[in-house]
Amino acid sequence: MKDASHTYWEGRWSQTSAESLQQALQPYHQGKDEILDVLKAHGVRHICDAGCGFGAYSLLLASNGFDVEGFDLSESAVAVTRELLGRYQVDVSGYRAASILQTGYEDKRFDAAIAYSVLDHMTMDDAAKGLRELSRIVRKDGLLVLAFDSLEEDDLELAHTVMPDGSLLYTQGKRAGMIFHPFTEQELSELLGDDEVLYRRTSPKGERIFVVENARASSR
């Protein structure tokens, strides 16, 4: 059974095409990022791109020598990812439509998982469940790369209601049906728990990016 989140994201991605995103994807091909060095330093080879969108981070990783599989809640997003990555001769056989709450992968399949602006588009309860699922499919002492958007002025200007946990549920326009939870530093600390933060940076847009060690894979 599809939920409201699936309806929103499928509606968004079904209105896009590979051609319209090709230019935006190109800079990720053989791109550079300090996170790549962290992954390599910890022996990461096999990575899951959780909430892959149109495959930007999949291309960044694959074109830098990593073995990448991925999933997205939206079937249309997966179709666009497969088409775009195929143009760069990236193996797309490991991409599927799935929820971060129930990916369908076996335990400890990956050395790492990457989730950019995924957990902050869920309620806090679901974000915790999603992180537990990523922990399950990543080997113990593997890595989790997580990014969270910051709250911007227009996020509050657009029509929305505030959910009991503080998440914003948009009610009108292009964002209608989208959830955004602007995590506070305290909430991020609680979400990550005792996992060791190996790397952190804040992007110019205020996006907070973490690489944490999956030290509690068997206990989340």
N, C-alpha and C. Protein backbone atom coordinates (compact mmCIF):
# COMPACT_ATOMS: atom_id res chain seq x y z
N MET A 1 0.84 -1.20 0.00
CA MET A 1 0.00 0.00 0.00
C MET A 1 0.88 1.25 0.00
N LYS A 2 0.62 2.18 -0.93
CA LYS A 2 1.41 3.39 -1.04
C LYS A 2 0.91 4.44 -0.05
N ASP A 3 1.85 5.17 0.57
CA ASP A 3 1.45 6.19 1.54
C ASP A 3 1.54 7.57 0.91
N ALA A 4 1.24 8.60 1.74
CA ALA A 4 1.22 9.97 1.23
C ALA A 4 2.60 10.42 0.74
N SER A 5 3.65 9.98 1.41
CA SER A 5 5.00 10.36 0.98
C SER A 5 5.30 9.82 -0.41
N HIS A 6 4.90 8.58 -0.66
CA HIS A 6 5.09 8.00 -1.99
C HIS A 6 4.34 8.82 -3.03
N THR A 7 3.11 9.20 -2.71
CA THR A 7 2.30 9.98 -3.64
C THR A 7 2.98 11.29 -4.00
N TYR A 8 3.54 11.98 -2.99
CA TYR A 8 4.22 13.25 -3.26
C TYR A 8 5.45 13.04 -4.14
N TRP A 9 6.34 12.15 -3.72
CA TRP A 9 7.61 12.00 -4.44
C TRP A 9 7.41 11.39 -5.82
N GLU A 10 6.48 10.48 -5.96
CA GLU A 10 6.21 9.92 -7.29
C GLU A 10 5.64 11.01 -8.20
N GLY A 11 4.76 11.85 -7.64
CA GLY A 11 4.21 12.94 -8.44
C GLY A 11 5.29 13.91 -8.89
N ARG A 12 6.24 14.17 -8.00
CA ARG A 12 7.33 15.09 -8.35
C ARG A 12 8.22 14.51 -9.44
N TRP A 13 8.68 13.28 -9.26
CA TRP A 13 9.64 12.69 -10.20
C TRP A 13 8.99 12.28 -11.51
N SER A 14 7.70 11.99 -11.50
CA SER A 14 7.03 11.60 -12.74
C SER A 14 6.93 12.78 -13.71
N GLN A 15 7.14 14.00 -13.22
CA GLN A 15 7.07 15.18 -14.08
C GLN A 15 8.44 15.61 -14.61
N THR A 16 9.47 14.82 -14.31
CA THR A 16 10.82 15.13 -14.78
C THR A 16 11.24 14.15 -15.86
N SER A 17 12.30 14.48 -16.56
CA SER A 17 12.84 13.59 -17.58
C SER A 17 14.35 13.54 -17.46
N ALA A 18 14.93 12.50 -18.00
CA ALA A 18 16.38 12.37 -17.97
C ALA A 18 17.04 13.55 -18.70
N GLU A 19 16.45 13.97 -19.81
CA GLU A 19 17.03 15.05 -20.59
C GLU A 19 17.11 16.35 -19.78
N SER A 20 16.07 16.62 -18.99
CA SER A 20 16.05 17.87 -18.23
C SER A 20 17.06 17.89 -17.10
N LEU A 21 17.56 16.72 -16.71
CA LEU A 21 18.49 16.62 -15.58
C LEU A 21 19.93 16.32 -16.00
N GLN A 22 20.14 16.08 -17.27
CA GLN A 22 21.47 15.69 -17.75
C GLN A 22 22.53 16.74 -17.41
N GLN A 23 22.22 17.99 -17.61
CA GLN A 23 23.20 19.05 -17.34
C GLN A 23 23.52 19.15 -15.86
N ALA A 24 22.49 18.98 -15.01
CA ALA A 24 22.70 19.05 -13.56
C ALA A 24 23.53 17.87 -13.07
N LEU A 25 23.46 16.75 -13.76
CA LEU A 25 24.19 15.54 -13.34
C LEU A 25 25.66 15.58 -13.72
N GLN A 26 25.99 16.23 -14.83
CA GLN A 26 27.35 16.18 -15.39
C GLN A 26 28.45 16.52 -14.39
N PRO A 27 28.31 17.54 -13.54
CA PRO A 27 29.41 17.88 -12.61
C PRO A 27 29.76 16.77 -11.63
N TYR A 28 28.86 15.83 -11.42
CA TYR A 28 29.13 14.75 -10.48
C TYR A 28 30.02 13.66 -11.08
N HIS A 29 30.15 13.64 -12.40
CA HIS A 29 30.98 12.63 -13.04
C HIS A 29 32.45 12.88 -12.73
N GLN A 30 33.07 11.95 -12.01
CA GLN A 30 34.45 12.06 -11.57
C GLN A 30 34.67 13.33 -10.74
N GLY A 31 33.64 13.73 -10.02
CA GLY A 31 33.74 14.89 -9.15
C GLY A 31 34.60 14.61 -7.94
N LYS A 32 34.94 15.64 -7.21
CA LYS A 32 35.78 15.52 -6.03
C LYS A 32 34.98 15.90 -4.79
N ASP A 33 35.25 15.20 -3.70
CA ASP A 33 34.59 15.48 -2.43
C ASP A 33 35.43 14.85 -1.33
N GLU A 34 35.63 15.57 -0.23
CA GLU A 34 36.42 15.03 0.87
C GLU A 34 35.83 13.74 1.42
N ILE A 35 34.52 13.57 1.30
CA ILE A 35 33.87 12.36 1.80
C ILE A 35 34.40 11.12 1.08
N LEU A 36 34.74 11.26 -0.19
CA LEU A 36 35.29 10.13 -0.93
C LEU A 36 36.57 9.63 -0.28
N ASP A 37 37.39 10.55 0.21
CA ASP A 37 38.63 10.17 0.87
C ASP A 37 38.36 9.44 2.18
N VAL A 38 37.33 9.90 2.91
CA VAL A 38 36.95 9.23 4.16
C VAL A 38 36.49 7.80 3.87
N LEU A 39 35.67 7.64 2.85
CA LEU A 39 35.18 6.30 2.50
C LEU A 39 36.34 5.37 2.13
N LYS A 40 37.24 5.86 1.31
CA LYS A 40 38.36 5.04 0.88
C LYS A 40 39.28 4.69 2.04
N ALA A 41 39.48 5.64 2.95
CA ALA A 41 40.36 5.40 4.10
C ALA A 41 39.81 4.33 5.02
N HIS A 42 38.49 4.09 4.97
CA HIS A 42 37.87 3.07 5.81
C HIS A 42 37.51 1.81 5.03
N GLY A 43 38.13 1.63 3.89
CA GLY A 43 37.98 0.39 3.14
C GLY A 43 36.61 0.17 2.53
N VAL A 44 35.89 1.24 2.26
CA VAL A 44 34.56 1.11 1.67
C VAL A 44 34.67 0.85 0.18
N ARG A 45 33.91 -0.15 -0.28
CA ARG A 45 33.83 -0.45 -1.71
C ARG A 45 32.38 -0.47 -2.20
N HIS A 46 31.54 -1.12 -1.44
CA HIS A 46 30.15 -1.37 -1.85
C HIS A 46 29.22 -0.43 -1.09
N ILE A 47 28.52 0.45 -1.81
CA ILE A 47 27.74 1.51 -1.18
C ILE A 47 26.30 1.47 -1.65
N CYS A 48 25.38 1.76 -0.73
CA CYS A 48 23.97 1.93 -1.06
C CYS A 48 23.63 3.42 -1.10
N ASP A 49 23.06 3.86 -2.22
CA ASP A 49 22.59 5.24 -2.35
C ASP A 49 21.10 5.24 -1.99
N ALA A 50 20.80 5.64 -0.76
CA ALA A 50 19.44 5.60 -0.23
C ALA A 50 18.69 6.87 -0.61
N GLY A 51 17.55 6.72 -1.27
CA GLY A 51 16.84 7.89 -1.78
C GLY A 51 17.64 8.52 -2.90
N CYS A 52 17.93 7.74 -3.94
CA CYS A 52 18.92 8.12 -4.96
C CYS A 52 18.49 9.29 -5.83
N GLY A 53 17.20 9.65 -5.83
CA GLY A 53 16.77 10.78 -6.65
C GLY A 53 17.05 10.53 -8.12
N PHE A 54 17.85 11.42 -8.76
CA PHE A 54 18.18 11.21 -10.18
C PHE A 54 19.59 10.65 -10.36
N GLY A 55 20.19 10.19 -9.26
CA GLY A 55 21.45 9.46 -9.36
C GLY A 55 22.71 10.29 -9.26
N ALA A 56 22.61 11.52 -8.75
CA ALA A 56 23.78 12.39 -8.68
C ALA A 56 24.90 11.79 -7.83
N TYR A 57 24.57 11.38 -6.62
CA TYR A 57 25.61 10.84 -5.74
C TYR A 57 26.02 9.44 -6.17
N SER A 58 25.12 8.72 -6.80
CA SER A 58 25.50 7.43 -7.38
C SER A 58 26.58 7.62 -8.44
N LEU A 59 26.41 8.64 -9.29
CA LEU A 59 27.41 8.89 -10.34
C LEU A 59 28.73 9.35 -9.72
N LEU A 60 28.66 10.23 -8.72
CA LEU A 60 29.88 10.67 -8.04
C LEU A 60 30.66 9.47 -7.51
N LEU A 61 29.96 8.57 -6.86
CA LEU A 61 30.60 7.41 -6.26
C LEU A 61 31.09 6.42 -7.32
N ALA A 62 30.23 6.08 -8.26
CA ALA A 62 30.59 5.08 -9.27
C ALA A 62 31.75 5.55 -10.14
N SER A 63 31.76 6.83 -10.49
CA SER A 63 32.83 7.35 -11.36
C SER A 63 34.14 7.54 -10.60
N ASN A 64 34.11 7.35 -9.29
CA ASN A 64 35.33 7.37 -8.49
C ASN A 64 35.71 5.99 -7.98
N GLY A 65 35.16 4.96 -8.61
CA GLY A 65 35.63 3.60 -8.36
C GLY A 65 34.85 2.78 -7.36
N PHE A 66 33.72 3.29 -6.85
CA PHE A 66 32.93 2.52 -5.89
C PHE A 66 31.88 1.68 -6.60
N ASP A 67 31.51 0.58 -5.96
CA ASP A 67 30.44 -0.29 -6.45
C ASP A 67 29.15 0.18 -5.79
N VAL A 68 28.21 0.67 -6.59
CA VAL A 68 27.04 1.34 -6.04
C VAL A 68 25.74 0.66 -6.46
N GLU A 69 24.86 0.50 -5.49
CA GLU A 69 23.47 0.14 -5.73
C GLU A 69 22.63 1.23 -5.10
N GLY A 70 21.34 1.27 -5.42
CA GLY A 70 20.53 2.33 -4.84
C GLY A 70 19.05 2.05 -4.92
N PHE A 71 18.31 2.87 -4.19
CA PHE A 71 16.85 2.76 -4.21
C PHE A 71 16.23 4.13 -4.00
N ASP A 72 14.98 4.23 -4.38
CA ASP A 72 14.22 5.45 -4.12
C ASP A 72 12.76 5.04 -3.93
N LEU A 73 12.04 5.84 -3.15
CA LEU A 73 10.63 5.58 -2.92
C LEU A 73 9.83 5.70 -4.22
N SER A 74 10.30 6.55 -5.12
CA SER A 74 9.60 6.82 -6.37
C SER A 74 10.10 5.92 -7.49
N GLU A 75 9.18 5.20 -8.12
CA GLU A 75 9.52 4.38 -9.27
C GLU A 75 10.05 5.23 -10.42
N SER A 76 9.48 6.43 -10.59
CA SER A 76 9.92 7.32 -11.66
C SER A 76 11.34 7.80 -11.44
N ALA A 77 11.71 8.07 -10.18
CA ALA A 77 13.08 8.48 -9.87
C ALA A 77 14.06 7.36 -10.24
N VAL A 78 13.69 6.13 -9.91
CA VAL A 78 14.56 5.00 -10.23
C VAL A 78 14.71 4.86 -11.75
N ALA A 79 13.63 5.05 -12.49
CA ALA A 79 13.70 4.95 -13.95
C ALA A 79 14.62 6.03 -14.53
N VAL A 80 14.53 7.26 -14.01
CA VAL A 80 15.39 8.35 -14.47
C VAL A 80 16.85 8.05 -14.12
N THR A 81 17.08 7.55 -12.90
CA THR A 81 18.44 7.21 -12.48
C THR A 81 19.04 6.15 -13.40
N ARG A 82 18.28 5.12 -13.67
CA ARG A 82 18.78 4.06 -14.55
C ARG A 82 19.14 4.60 -15.94
N GLU A 83 18.29 5.46 -16.46
CA GLU A 83 18.55 6.01 -17.79
C GLU A 83 19.78 6.89 -17.79
N LEU A 84 19.90 7.78 -16.81
CA LEU A 84 21.03 8.70 -16.77
C LEU A 84 22.34 7.99 -16.49
N LEU A 85 22.36 7.10 -15.50
CA LEU A 85 23.59 6.39 -15.19
C LEU A 85 24.03 5.50 -16.33
N GLY A 86 23.06 4.95 -17.05
CA GLY A 86 23.39 4.12 -18.20
C GLY A 86 24.18 4.87 -19.25
N ARG A 87 23.97 6.17 -19.34
CA ARG A 87 24.70 6.99 -20.31
C ARG A 87 26.18 7.10 -19.96
N TYR A 88 26.50 6.82 -18.69
CA TYR A 88 27.90 6.85 -18.24
C TYR A 88 28.46 5.43 -18.05
N GLN A 89 27.78 4.47 -18.62
CA GLN A 89 28.18 3.05 -18.53
C GLN A 89 28.27 2.55 -17.09
N VAL A 90 27.42 3.09 -16.22
CA VAL A 90 27.34 2.61 -14.84
C VAL A 90 26.36 1.44 -14.79
N ASP A 91 26.74 0.38 -14.08
CA ASP A 91 25.85 -0.77 -13.91
C ASP A 91 24.63 -0.35 -13.09
N VAL A 92 23.45 -0.47 -13.68
CA VAL A 92 22.22 -0.02 -13.00
C VAL A 92 21.34 -1.20 -12.57
N SER A 93 21.89 -2.41 -12.64
CA SER A 93 21.09 -3.58 -12.30
C SER A 93 20.71 -3.63 -10.82
N GLY A 94 21.45 -2.90 -9.97
CA GLY A 94 21.19 -2.95 -8.53
C GLY A 94 20.32 -1.81 -8.03
N TYR A 95 19.52 -1.20 -8.90
CA TYR A 95 18.64 -0.11 -8.48
C TYR A 95 17.19 -0.59 -8.41
N ARG A 96 16.50 -0.15 -7.37
CA ARG A 96 15.14 -0.63 -7.15
C ARG A 96 14.28 0.46 -6.50
N ALA A 97 12.98 0.28 -6.60
CA ALA A 97 12.03 1.13 -5.89
C ALA A 97 11.77 0.49 -4.53
N ALA A 98 12.00 1.26 -3.47
CA ALA A 98 11.82 0.73 -2.12
C ALA A 98 11.75 1.89 -1.14
N SER A 99 11.23 1.61 0.03
CA SER A 99 11.16 2.58 1.11
C SER A 99 12.38 2.43 2.00
N ILE A 100 12.88 3.53 2.53
CA ILE A 100 13.98 3.47 3.48
C ILE A 100 13.56 2.77 4.77
N LEU A 101 12.27 2.64 4.98
CA LEU A 101 11.78 1.95 6.17
C LEU A 101 11.83 0.44 6.00
N GLN A 102 11.87 -0.01 4.75
CA GLN A 102 11.90 -1.45 4.47
C GLN A 102 12.54 -1.63 3.09
N THR A 103 13.86 -1.70 3.06
CA THR A 103 14.57 -1.71 1.79
C THR A 103 14.53 -3.05 1.08
N GLY A 104 14.42 -4.13 1.84
CA GLY A 104 14.43 -5.46 1.25
C GLY A 104 15.81 -6.06 1.08
N TYR A 105 16.86 -5.31 1.44
CA TYR A 105 18.22 -5.86 1.35
C TYR A 105 18.49 -6.76 2.55
N GLU A 106 19.42 -7.69 2.37
CA GLU A 106 19.80 -8.55 3.48
C GLU A 106 20.71 -7.79 4.46
N ASP A 107 20.84 -8.33 5.65
CA ASP A 107 21.69 -7.73 6.68
C ASP A 107 23.13 -7.58 6.19
N LYS A 108 23.74 -6.43 6.52
CA LYS A 108 25.18 -6.19 6.31
C LYS A 108 25.61 -6.36 4.85
N ARG A 109 24.74 -6.02 3.93
CA ARG A 109 25.07 -6.18 2.51
C ARG A 109 26.14 -5.18 2.05
N PHE A 110 26.14 -3.99 2.65
CA PHE A 110 26.98 -2.90 2.15
C PHE A 110 28.08 -2.51 3.14
N ASP A 111 29.12 -1.89 2.59
CA ASP A 111 30.17 -1.30 3.43
C ASP A 111 29.73 0.06 3.95
N ALA A 112 28.82 0.71 3.23
CA ALA A 112 28.37 2.04 3.62
C ALA A 112 27.03 2.33 2.96
N ALA A 113 26.34 3.33 3.49
CA ALA A 113 25.13 3.84 2.87
C ALA A 113 25.19 5.35 2.92
N ILE A 114 24.63 5.98 1.90
CA ILE A 114 24.62 7.43 1.82
C ILE A 114 23.18 7.89 1.65
N ALA A 115 22.76 8.85 2.46
CA ALA A 115 21.39 9.35 2.41
C ALA A 115 21.43 10.88 2.49
N TYR A 116 21.36 11.52 1.33
CA TYR A 116 21.41 12.98 1.26
C TYR A 116 19.99 13.54 1.25
N SER A 117 19.68 14.37 2.25
CA SER A 117 18.37 15.02 2.33
C SER A 117 17.23 14.01 2.18
N VAL A 118 17.32 12.95 2.97
CA VAL A 118 16.31 11.90 2.97
C VAL A 118 15.62 11.83 4.33
N LEU A 119 16.41 11.68 5.39
CA LEU A 119 15.84 11.53 6.72
C LEU A 119 15.12 12.79 7.19
N ASP A 120 15.48 13.93 6.64
CA ASP A 120 14.81 15.17 7.05
C ASP A 120 13.51 15.42 6.27
N HIS A 121 13.15 14.49 5.41
CA HIS A 121 11.86 14.57 4.72
C HIS A 121 10.91 13.49 5.26
N MET A 122 11.04 13.25 6.56
CA MET A 122 10.23 12.27 7.25
C MET A 122 9.92 12.82 8.64
N THR A 123 8.94 12.23 9.31
CA THR A 123 8.75 12.57 10.71
C THR A 123 9.95 12.08 11.50
N MET A 124 10.13 12.58 12.69
CA MET A 124 11.27 12.16 13.51
C MET A 124 11.22 10.67 13.80
N ASP A 125 10.02 10.14 14.04
CA ASP A 125 9.88 8.71 14.32
C ASP A 125 10.31 7.88 13.11
N ASP A 126 9.86 8.28 11.93
CA ASP A 126 10.24 7.55 10.72
C ASP A 126 11.72 7.73 10.40
N ALA A 127 12.27 8.90 10.70
CA ALA A 127 13.71 9.11 10.46
C ALA A 127 14.53 8.15 11.30
N ALA A 128 14.13 7.94 12.55
CA ALA A 128 14.83 7.00 13.43
C ALA A 128 14.70 5.58 12.89
N LYS A 129 13.52 5.23 12.39
CA LYS A 129 13.31 3.90 11.80
C LYS A 129 14.15 3.74 10.53
N GLY A 130 14.19 4.80 9.72
CA GLY A 130 14.98 4.74 8.50
C GLY A 130 16.46 4.57 8.78
N LEU A 131 16.96 5.25 9.82
CA LEU A 131 18.36 5.12 10.18
C LEU A 131 18.65 3.70 10.69
N ARG A 132 17.71 3.13 11.43
CA ARG A 132 17.90 1.75 11.89
C ARG A 132 17.97 0.80 10.71
N GLU A 133 17.15 1.05 9.69
CA GLU A 133 17.18 0.18 8.51
C GLU A 133 18.50 0.32 7.76
N LEU A 134 19.01 1.53 7.63
CA LEU A 134 20.32 1.70 6.99
C LEU A 134 21.40 1.00 7.80
N SER A 135 21.33 1.11 9.12
CA SER A 135 22.30 0.44 9.98
C SER A 135 22.25 -1.07 9.79
N ARG A 136 21.06 -1.59 9.58
CA ARG A 136 20.90 -3.05 9.41
C ARG A 136 21.58 -3.54 8.13
N ILE A 137 21.49 -2.78 7.06
CA ILE A 137 22.00 -3.26 5.78
C ILE A 137 23.48 -2.92 5.57
N VAL A 138 24.06 -2.17 6.50
CA VAL A 138 25.49 -1.83 6.45
C VAL A 138 26.24 -2.67 7.48
N ARG A 139 27.41 -3.14 7.11
CA ARG A 139 28.18 -3.97 8.02
C ARG A 139 28.57 -3.21 9.28
N LYS A 140 28.77 -3.94 10.35
CA LYS A 140 29.24 -3.33 11.59
C LYS A 140 30.58 -2.64 11.33
N ASP A 141 30.71 -1.44 11.83
CA ASP A 141 31.88 -0.58 11.63
C ASP A 141 31.96 -0.03 10.21
N GLY A 142 30.91 -0.26 9.40
CA GLY A 142 30.82 0.42 8.12
C GLY A 142 30.43 1.88 8.35
N LEU A 143 30.19 2.60 7.27
CA LEU A 143 29.94 4.03 7.39
C LEU A 143 28.54 4.42 6.91
N LEU A 144 28.01 5.46 7.55
CA LEU A 144 26.75 6.07 7.14
C LEU A 144 27.02 7.54 6.83
N VAL A 145 26.71 7.94 5.61
CA VAL A 145 26.87 9.33 5.19
C VAL A 145 25.48 9.95 5.17
N LEU A 146 25.27 10.96 6.00
CA LEU A 146 23.94 11.53 6.19
C LEU A 146 23.99 13.04 6.03
N ALA A 147 23.03 13.59 5.30
CA ALA A 147 22.98 15.04 5.11
C ALA A 147 21.59 15.56 5.44
N PHE A 148 21.56 16.71 6.11
CA PHE A 148 20.31 17.30 6.57
C PHE A 148 20.25 18.77 6.14
N ASP A 149 19.15 19.14 5.50
CA ASP A 149 18.98 20.53 5.08
C ASP A 149 18.69 21.42 6.28
N SER A 150 19.09 22.67 6.17
CA SER A 150 18.78 23.65 7.21
C SER A 150 17.47 24.36 6.87
N LEU A 151 16.88 24.99 7.85
CA LEU A 151 15.64 25.73 7.66
C LEU A 151 15.95 27.07 7.00
N GLU A 152 15.28 27.36 5.89
CA GLU A 152 15.44 28.62 5.19
C GLU A 152 14.16 29.44 5.30
N GLU A 153 14.28 30.73 5.02
CA GLU A 153 13.14 31.63 5.22
C GLU A 153 11.92 31.20 4.42
N ASP A 154 12.12 30.78 3.16
CA ASP A 154 10.95 30.42 2.36
C ASP A 154 10.32 29.11 2.80
N ASP A 155 11.04 28.32 3.59
CA ASP A 155 10.44 27.09 4.11
C ASP A 155 9.26 27.39 5.02
N LEU A 156 9.33 28.50 5.71
CA LEU A 156 8.26 28.88 6.62
C LEU A 156 7.20 29.73 5.93
N GLU A 157 7.55 30.38 4.83
CA GLU A 157 6.60 31.23 4.13
C GLU A 157 5.57 30.43 3.36
N LEU A 158 5.93 29.26 2.87
CA LEU A 158 5.01 28.44 2.09
C LEU A 158 3.96 27.82 3.01
N ALA A 159 2.75 27.65 2.49
CA ALA A 159 1.63 27.16 3.29
C ALA A 159 1.92 25.77 3.86
N HIS A 160 1.78 25.64 5.18
CA HIS A 160 2.07 24.37 5.83
C HIS A 160 1.35 24.28 7.17
N THR A 161 1.30 23.06 7.68
CA THR A 161 0.88 22.84 9.06
C THR A 161 2.08 22.27 9.81
N VAL A 162 2.07 22.42 11.12
CA VAL A 162 3.15 21.89 11.94
C VAL A 162 2.64 20.62 12.63
N MET A 163 3.34 19.52 12.40
CA MET A 163 2.96 18.24 12.98
C MET A 163 3.40 18.18 14.44
N PRO A 164 2.87 17.21 15.21
CA PRO A 164 3.18 17.15 16.65
C PRO A 164 4.67 17.12 16.98
N ASP A 165 5.49 16.54 16.09
CA ASP A 165 6.93 16.45 16.37
C ASP A 165 7.70 17.65 15.84
N GLY A 166 6.99 18.64 15.31
CA GLY A 166 7.66 19.82 14.77
C GLY A 166 7.94 19.76 13.29
N SER A 167 7.62 18.65 12.65
CA SER A 167 7.81 18.55 11.20
C SER A 167 6.82 19.45 10.48
N LEU A 168 7.24 19.98 9.34
CA LEU A 168 6.37 20.81 8.51
C LEU A 168 5.72 19.94 7.45
N LEU A 169 4.41 20.02 7.32
CA LEU A 169 3.68 19.32 6.27
C LEU A 169 3.10 20.38 5.35
N TYR A 170 3.60 20.44 4.12
CA TYR A 170 3.16 21.48 3.19
C TYR A 170 1.79 21.13 2.62
N THR A 171 0.97 22.16 2.46
CA THR A 171 -0.44 21.94 2.12
C THR A 171 -0.86 22.53 0.78
N GLN A 172 -0.02 23.34 0.16
CA GLN A 172 -0.39 23.96 -1.12
C GLN A 172 0.82 24.03 -2.04
N GLY A 173 0.52 24.23 -3.33
CA GLY A 173 1.58 24.44 -4.32
C GLY A 173 2.36 23.18 -4.64
N LYS A 174 3.57 23.38 -5.18
CA LYS A 174 4.39 22.26 -5.62
C LYS A 174 4.85 21.37 -4.47
N ARG A 175 4.90 21.94 -3.26
CA ARG A 175 5.33 21.14 -2.11
C ARG A 175 4.19 20.43 -1.40
N ALA A 176 2.97 20.59 -1.86
CA ALA A 176 1.82 20.02 -1.17
C ALA A 176 2.01 18.51 -0.95
N GLY A 177 1.99 18.10 0.30
CA GLY A 177 2.18 16.69 0.65
C GLY A 177 3.59 16.36 1.11
N MET A 178 4.53 17.30 0.94
CA MET A 178 5.92 17.05 1.35
C MET A 178 6.10 17.33 2.84
N ILE A 179 6.87 16.48 3.50
CA ILE A 179 7.24 16.67 4.89
C ILE A 179 8.68 17.16 4.95
N PHE A 180 8.93 18.11 5.82
CA PHE A 180 10.30 18.57 6.07
C PHE A 180 10.48 18.77 7.56
N HIS A 181 11.45 18.07 8.12
CA HIS A 181 11.76 18.27 9.54
C HIS A 181 13.10 18.98 9.66
N PRO A 182 13.09 20.25 10.09
CA PRO A 182 14.34 21.00 10.25
C PRO A 182 15.02 20.61 11.57
N PHE A 183 15.87 19.61 11.51
CA PHE A 183 16.49 19.07 12.72
C PHE A 183 17.32 20.13 13.45
N THR A 184 17.11 20.22 14.75
CA THR A 184 17.98 21.03 15.59
C THR A 184 19.25 20.24 15.88
N GLU A 185 20.26 20.91 16.39
CA GLU A 185 21.49 20.21 16.76
C GLU A 185 21.23 19.15 17.82
N GLN A 186 20.35 19.45 18.78
CA GLN A 186 20.02 18.49 19.81
C GLN A 186 19.33 17.27 19.22
N GLU A 187 18.42 17.49 18.30
CA GLU A 187 17.72 16.37 17.66
C GLU A 187 18.67 15.51 16.84
N LEU A 188 19.62 16.15 16.16
CA LEU A 188 20.61 15.38 15.40
C LEU A 188 21.46 14.53 16.33
N SER A 189 21.85 15.10 17.46
CA SER A 189 22.63 14.36 18.44
C SER A 189 21.87 13.14 18.95
N GLU A 190 20.59 13.32 19.21
CA GLU A 190 19.76 12.21 19.69
C GLU A 190 19.57 11.16 18.60
N LEU A 191 19.41 11.59 17.36
CA LEU A 191 19.22 10.66 16.26
C LEU A 191 20.46 9.80 16.04
N LEU A 192 21.63 10.42 16.07
CA LEU A 192 22.88 9.70 15.81
C LEU A 192 23.32 8.86 17.01
N GLY A 193 22.84 9.21 18.19
CA GLY A 193 23.15 8.42 19.37
C GLY A 193 24.63 8.37 19.66
N ASP A 194 25.13 7.17 19.94
CA ASP A 194 26.52 7.00 20.32
C ASP A 194 27.46 6.73 19.15
N ASP A 195 26.91 6.71 17.93
CA ASP A 195 27.76 6.47 16.77
C ASP A 195 28.82 7.56 16.65
N GLU A 196 30.04 7.16 16.40
CA GLU A 196 31.14 8.11 16.32
C GLU A 196 31.08 8.92 15.04
N VAL A 197 31.13 10.23 15.16
CA VAL A 197 31.16 11.11 14.00
C VAL A 197 32.61 11.21 13.52
N LEU A 198 32.87 10.68 12.34
CA LEU A 198 34.22 10.68 11.79
C LEU A 198 34.51 11.94 10.98
N TYR A 199 33.45 12.56 10.49
CA TYR A 199 33.61 13.73 9.62
C TYR A 199 32.33 14.53 9.67
N ARG A 200 32.47 15.85 9.66
CA ARG A 200 31.30 16.71 9.59
C ARG A 200 31.67 18.00 8.88
N ARG A 201 30.76 18.50 8.07
CA ARG A 201 30.92 19.83 7.49
C ARG A 201 29.54 20.43 7.24
N THR A 202 29.53 21.75 7.11
CA THR A 202 28.31 22.47 6.76
C THR A 202 28.54 23.13 5.42
N SER A 203 27.66 22.88 4.47
CA SER A 203 27.82 23.42 3.13
C SER A 203 27.48 24.91 3.13
N PRO A 204 27.83 25.63 2.06
CA PRO A 204 27.49 27.05 1.97
C PRO A 204 25.99 27.31 2.10
N LYS A 205 25.17 26.33 1.74
CA LYS A 205 23.72 26.48 1.84
C LYS A 205 23.19 26.08 3.22
N GLY A 206 24.11 25.69 4.11
CA GLY A 206 23.69 25.32 5.45
C GLY A 206 23.37 23.85 5.63
N GLU A 207 23.59 23.05 4.61
CA GLU A 207 23.36 21.61 4.71
C GLU A 207 24.41 21.00 5.63
N ARG A 208 23.97 20.22 6.60
CA ARG A 208 24.87 19.58 7.56
C ARG A 208 25.13 18.14 7.13
N ILE A 209 26.39 17.82 6.93
CA ILE A 209 26.78 16.53 6.38
C ILE A 209 27.64 15.79 7.39
N PHE A 210 27.28 14.55 7.65
CA PHE A 210 27.99 13.72 8.63
C PHE A 210 28.45 12.42 7.97
N VAL A 211 29.60 11.93 8.41
CA VAL A 211 29.99 10.54 8.18
C VAL A 211 30.15 9.92 9.56
N VAL A 212 29.35 8.90 9.85
CA VAL A 212 29.41 8.26 11.16
C VAL A 212 29.71 6.77 10.99
N GLU A 213 30.33 6.23 12.01
CA GLU A 213 30.64 4.80 12.00
C GLU A 213 29.43 4.01 12.50
N ASN A 214 29.12 2.97 11.78
CA ASN A 214 27.97 2.14 12.09
C ASN A 214 28.34 1.13 13.18
N ALA A 215 28.57 1.64 14.38
CA ALA A 215 29.06 0.80 15.46
C ALA A 215 27.96 -0.02 16.13
N ARG A 216 26.70 0.32 15.82
CA ARG A 216 25.61 -0.37 16.50
C ARG A 216 24.70 -1.10 15.52
N ALA A 217 25.30 -1.66 14.49
CA ALA A 217 24.50 -2.30 13.45
C ALA A 217 23.58 -3.37 13.98
N SER A 218 24.00 -4.08 15.00
CA SER A 218 23.19 -5.20 15.50
C SER A 218 22.24 -4.81 16.61
N SER A 219 22.29 -3.52 17.04
CA SER A 219 21.49 -3.15 18.18
C SER A 219 20.50 -2.02 17.92
N ARG A 220 20.49 -1.45 16.73
CA ARG A 220 19.55 -0.37 16.45
C ARG A 220 18.12 -0.88 16.47
